[in-house]
Amino acid sequence: MAALTFFTIGVISNFKKLWEEGIGRLAAVYLLCLFGFIIWVGLAISWIFFHGIKPPIAG
């Protein structure tokens, strides 16, 4: 679900238009924060909540 959320944020973000309007620095900061911070925090939170939980065995 989180992957779909991040994917749709990327899809609806028009980085070309932001760059043309001189807000390229904002887009660069967004990408830096996304890949340098937000994804890692999400993974850490997921690990905390789901650590040790085994998926059900399909049979």
N, C-alpha and C. Protein backbone atom coordinates (compact mmCIF):
# COMPACT_ATOMS: atom_id res chain seq x y z
N MET A 1 0.81 -1.19 0.00
CA MET A 1 0.00 0.00 0.00
C MET A 1 0.86 1.26 0.00
N ALA A 2 1.93 1.24 0.78
CA ALA A 2 2.81 2.41 0.84
C ALA A 2 3.48 2.64 -0.50
N ALA A 3 3.85 1.56 -1.18
CA ALA A 3 4.48 1.71 -2.49
C ALA A 3 3.52 2.38 -3.46
N LEU A 4 2.25 2.02 -3.40
CA LEU A 4 1.26 2.64 -4.27
C LEU A 4 1.10 4.12 -3.94
N THR A 5 1.16 4.46 -2.67
CA THR A 5 1.06 5.86 -2.26
C THR A 5 2.21 6.67 -2.83
N PHE A 6 3.44 6.19 -2.67
CA PHE A 6 4.60 6.92 -3.19
C PHE A 6 4.57 6.98 -4.71
N PHE A 7 4.11 5.92 -5.35
CA PHE A 7 4.01 5.91 -6.81
C PHE A 7 3.04 6.97 -7.30
N THR A 8 1.87 7.08 -6.67
CA THR A 8 0.89 8.06 -7.12
C THR A 8 1.34 9.49 -6.84
N ILE A 9 2.09 9.71 -5.75
CA ILE A 9 2.65 11.04 -5.51
C ILE A 9 3.58 11.41 -6.64
N GLY A 10 4.41 10.48 -7.07
CA GLY A 10 5.32 10.73 -8.17
C GLY A 10 4.60 10.94 -9.49
N VAL A 11 3.51 10.22 -9.71
CA VAL A 11 2.76 10.35 -10.95
C VAL A 11 2.06 11.70 -11.05
N ILE A 12 1.48 12.18 -9.96
CA ILE A 12 0.73 13.43 -10.03
C ILE A 12 1.62 14.66 -9.93
N SER A 13 2.90 14.46 -9.54
CA SER A 13 3.82 15.60 -9.45
C SER A 13 4.35 15.92 -10.84
N ASN A 14 4.10 17.14 -11.29
CA ASN A 14 4.58 17.57 -12.60
C ASN A 14 5.90 18.31 -12.42
N PHE A 15 6.99 17.55 -12.36
CA PHE A 15 8.30 18.13 -12.08
C PHE A 15 8.78 19.03 -13.21
N LYS A 16 8.39 18.72 -14.45
CA LYS A 16 8.79 19.55 -15.58
C LYS A 16 8.21 20.97 -15.43
N LYS A 17 6.94 21.05 -15.05
CA LYS A 17 6.31 22.36 -14.87
C LYS A 17 6.95 23.11 -13.69
N LEU A 18 7.24 22.39 -12.62
CA LEU A 18 7.91 23.02 -11.49
C LEU A 18 9.26 23.58 -11.90
N TRP A 19 10.00 22.82 -12.69
CA TRP A 19 11.33 23.26 -13.13
C TRP A 19 11.22 24.49 -14.01
N GLU A 20 10.22 24.49 -14.92
CA GLU A 20 10.02 25.63 -15.83
C GLU A 20 9.66 26.90 -15.07
N GLU A 21 8.96 26.77 -13.96
CA GLU A 21 8.53 27.94 -13.20
C GLU A 21 9.58 28.38 -12.18
N GLY A 22 10.75 27.75 -12.23
CA GLY A 22 11.82 28.16 -11.33
C GLY A 22 11.73 27.55 -9.95
N ILE A 23 10.97 26.50 -9.80
CA ILE A 23 10.83 25.85 -8.50
C ILE A 23 11.56 24.50 -8.54
N GLY A 24 12.56 24.43 -9.39
CA GLY A 24 13.33 23.19 -9.53
C GLY A 24 14.02 22.80 -8.25
N ARG A 25 14.46 23.80 -7.50
CA ARG A 25 15.14 23.51 -6.22
C ARG A 25 14.17 22.82 -5.26
N LEU A 26 12.91 23.25 -5.26
CA LEU A 26 11.90 22.61 -4.41
C LEU A 26 11.70 21.16 -4.81
N ALA A 27 11.66 20.90 -6.12
CA ALA A 27 11.50 19.53 -6.60
C ALA A 27 12.70 18.68 -6.19
N ALA A 28 13.90 19.26 -6.27
CA ALA A 28 15.11 18.52 -5.88
C ALA A 28 15.08 18.20 -4.38
N VAL A 29 14.65 19.15 -3.57
CA VAL A 29 14.55 18.92 -2.12
C VAL A 29 13.51 17.85 -1.83
N TYR A 30 12.39 17.88 -2.57
CA TYR A 30 11.34 16.87 -2.41
C TYR A 30 11.90 15.47 -2.68
N LEU A 31 12.61 15.33 -3.78
CA LEU A 31 13.17 14.02 -4.13
C LEU A 31 14.22 13.58 -3.11
N LEU A 32 15.04 14.52 -2.67
CA LEU A 32 16.05 14.19 -1.67
C LEU A 32 15.39 13.73 -0.37
N CYS A 33 14.35 14.43 0.05
CA CYS A 33 13.64 14.04 1.28
C CYS A 33 12.94 12.70 1.12
N LEU A 34 12.35 12.49 -0.05
CA LEU A 34 11.62 11.25 -0.29
C LEU A 34 12.54 10.05 -0.19
N PHE A 35 13.66 10.10 -0.92
CA PHE A 35 14.54 8.94 -0.96
C PHE A 35 15.54 8.92 0.19
N GLY A 36 15.81 10.05 0.81
CA GLY A 36 16.78 10.08 1.88
C GLY A 36 16.19 9.98 3.26
N PHE A 37 14.89 10.20 3.39
CA PHE A 37 14.31 10.24 4.73
C PHE A 37 12.97 9.51 4.82
N ILE A 38 12.00 9.92 4.02
CA ILE A 38 10.63 9.43 4.16
C ILE A 38 10.54 7.91 3.98
N ILE A 39 11.17 7.38 2.95
CA ILE A 39 11.09 5.94 2.69
C ILE A 39 11.73 5.16 3.83
N TRP A 40 12.88 5.65 4.34
CA TRP A 40 13.56 4.94 5.42
C TRP A 40 12.76 4.97 6.72
N VAL A 41 12.11 6.08 6.99
CA VAL A 41 11.26 6.16 8.19
C VAL A 41 10.08 5.20 8.05
N GLY A 42 9.48 5.15 6.87
CA GLY A 42 8.38 4.22 6.63
C GLY A 42 8.81 2.77 6.79
N LEU A 43 9.98 2.45 6.29
CA LEU A 43 10.49 1.08 6.45
C LEU A 43 10.76 0.76 7.92
N ALA A 44 11.32 1.71 8.64
CA ALA A 44 11.59 1.49 10.06
C ALA A 44 10.29 1.27 10.85
N ILE A 45 9.30 2.10 10.58
CA ILE A 45 8.02 1.94 11.26
C ILE A 45 7.38 0.61 10.92
N SER A 46 7.45 0.22 9.65
CA SER A 46 6.91 -1.08 9.25
C SER A 46 7.63 -2.21 9.95
N TRP A 47 8.95 -2.11 10.06
CA TRP A 47 9.72 -3.16 10.73
C TRP A 47 9.33 -3.25 12.20
N ILE A 48 9.14 -2.11 12.85
CA ILE A 48 8.75 -2.10 14.27
C ILE A 48 7.40 -2.80 14.46
N PHE A 49 6.45 -2.49 13.59
CA PHE A 49 5.10 -3.05 13.76
C PHE A 49 5.01 -4.51 13.32
N PHE A 50 5.77 -4.92 12.31
CA PHE A 50 5.61 -6.26 11.75
C PHE A 50 6.77 -7.19 12.03
N HIS A 51 7.71 -6.79 12.87
CA HIS A 51 8.86 -7.64 13.19
C HIS A 51 8.38 -8.90 13.90
N GLY A 52 8.80 -10.03 13.38
CA GLY A 52 8.48 -11.30 14.01
C GLY A 52 7.16 -11.91 13.57
N ILE A 53 6.39 -11.22 12.77
CA ILE A 53 5.11 -11.76 12.30
C ILE A 53 5.38 -12.59 11.06
N LYS A 54 4.93 -13.81 11.09
CA LYS A 54 5.11 -14.72 9.95
C LYS A 54 3.84 -14.69 9.07
N PRO A 55 4.01 -14.68 7.75
CA PRO A 55 2.84 -14.72 6.89
C PRO A 55 2.15 -16.08 6.99
N PRO A 56 0.85 -16.12 6.77
CA PRO A 56 0.15 -17.42 6.83
C PRO A 56 0.62 -18.32 5.70
N ILE A 57 0.67 -19.60 6.01
CA ILE A 57 1.12 -20.58 5.01
C ILE A 57 -0.07 -20.97 4.14
N ALA A 58 0.08 -20.74 2.82
CA ALA A 58 -0.98 -21.14 1.89
C ALA A 58 -0.90 -22.63 1.67
N GLY A 59 -2.00 -23.25 1.73
CA GLY A 59 -1.91 -24.70 1.59
C GLY A 59 -3.08 -25.29 1.06
